[in-house]
């Protein structure tokens, strides 16, 4: 049986990336990992995931949680570097 770590390693995802998606969707990290591993396989999925992360950055900024917004920006930047969209 594959562990969540195996799944994340296979999809080239970090715990922080999955945690952001779990937070955005209001689901446990394990469920988010399963969903994200599938989504990251397509450009459309990467675009949606990037949007989720940017949404969390915006929400954190709006409520004045600038530390959280900065952490989310860093996670999003790494995700975008690891999963670039074709032009």
Protein backbone atom coordinates (compact mmCIF):
# COMPACT_ATOMS: atom_id res chain seq x y z
CA UNK A 1 0.00 0.00 0.00
CA UNK A 2 1.27 3.48 -0.85
CA UNK A 3 1.65 6.00 1.92
CA UNK A 4 0.71 9.65 1.61
CA UNK A 5 4.44 10.41 1.44
CA UNK A 6 4.84 8.02 -1.51
CA UNK A 7 1.98 9.76 -3.28
CA UNK A 8 3.41 13.24 -2.68
CA UNK A 9 6.88 12.20 -3.76
CA UNK A 10 5.49 10.66 -6.95
CA UNK A 11 3.59 13.85 -7.79
CA UNK A 12 6.46 16.13 -6.74
CA UNK A 13 4.37 17.90 -4.10
CA UNK A 14 5.25 19.19 -0.67
CA UNK A 15 3.31 18.83 2.55
CA UNK A 16 2.87 22.62 2.57
CA UNK A 17 1.31 22.62 -0.90
CA UNK A 18 -1.15 19.92 0.08
CA UNK A 19 -1.92 21.71 3.35
CA UNK A 20 -2.85 24.89 1.45
CA UNK A 21 -5.22 22.99 -0.83
CA UNK A 22 -6.71 21.17 2.16
CA UNK A 23 -7.27 24.51 3.86
CA UNK A 24 -8.84 26.03 0.74
CA UNK A 25 -11.21 23.09 0.27
CA UNK A 26 -11.85 22.47 3.98
CA UNK A 27 -10.84 18.82 3.77
CA UNK A 28 -8.24 16.65 5.53
CA UNK A 29 -4.70 16.65 4.16
CA UNK A 30 -4.99 12.98 3.14
CA UNK A 31 -8.02 13.71 0.96
CA UNK A 32 -6.35 16.79 -0.50
CA UNK A 33 -3.24 14.76 -1.36
CA UNK A 34 -5.31 12.28 -3.35
CA UNK A 35 -7.09 15.04 -5.25
CA UNK A 36 -3.98 17.14 -5.86
CA UNK A 37 -1.97 14.18 -7.17
CA UNK A 38 -4.51 13.77 -9.94
CA UNK A 39 -4.93 17.46 -10.68
CA UNK A 40 -1.21 18.19 -10.95
CA UNK A 41 -0.99 15.83 -13.93
CA UNK A 42 -2.73 18.29 -16.29
CA UNK A 43 -2.15 21.96 -17.15
CA UNK A 44 -5.77 22.69 -16.28
CA UNK A 45 -5.34 21.10 -12.87
CA UNK A 46 -2.15 23.05 -12.20
CA UNK A 47 -3.98 26.25 -13.14
CA UNK A 48 -6.82 25.47 -10.72
CA UNK A 49 -4.42 24.60 -7.90
CA UNK A 50 -2.47 27.80 -8.46
CA UNK A 51 -5.74 29.72 -8.28
CA UNK A 52 -6.62 28.06 -4.98
CA UNK A 53 -3.29 29.08 -3.52
CA UNK A 54 -3.61 32.64 -4.79
CA UNK A 55 -7.11 32.79 -3.30
CA UNK A 56 -5.70 31.86 0.10
CA UNK A 57 -3.01 34.54 -0.22
CA UNK A 58 -5.68 37.13 -1.00
CA UNK A 59 -7.90 36.03 1.89
CA UNK A 60 -5.01 36.13 4.37
CA UNK A 61 -4.01 39.59 3.15
CA UNK A 62 -7.59 40.88 3.42
CA UNK A 63 -7.88 39.76 7.02
CA UNK A 64 -4.49 41.26 7.88
CA UNK A 65 -2.70 37.94 8.45
CA UNK A 66 0.42 39.03 6.59
CA UNK A 67 2.64 36.27 7.97
CA UNK A 68 0.21 33.65 6.69
CA UNK A 69 -0.05 35.44 3.34
CA UNK A 70 3.75 35.49 3.01
CA UNK A 71 4.06 31.78 3.83
CA UNK A 72 1.34 30.99 1.28
CA UNK A 73 3.12 33.17 -1.32
CA UNK A 74 6.32 31.21 -0.78
CA UNK A 75 4.51 27.87 -1.12
CA UNK A 76 2.71 29.08 -4.24
CA UNK A 77 5.96 30.34 -5.81
CA UNK A 78 7.62 26.98 -5.25
CA UNK A 79 4.61 25.16 -6.69
CA UNK A 80 4.63 27.37 -9.76
CA UNK A 81 8.37 26.84 -10.24
CA UNK A 82 7.98 23.05 -9.96
CA UNK A 83 4.84 22.93 -12.13
CA UNK A 84 5.15 25.64 -14.79
CA UNK A 85 2.28 26.17 -17.17
CA UNK A 86 2.97 25.99 -20.89
CA UNK A 87 2.68 29.29 -22.76
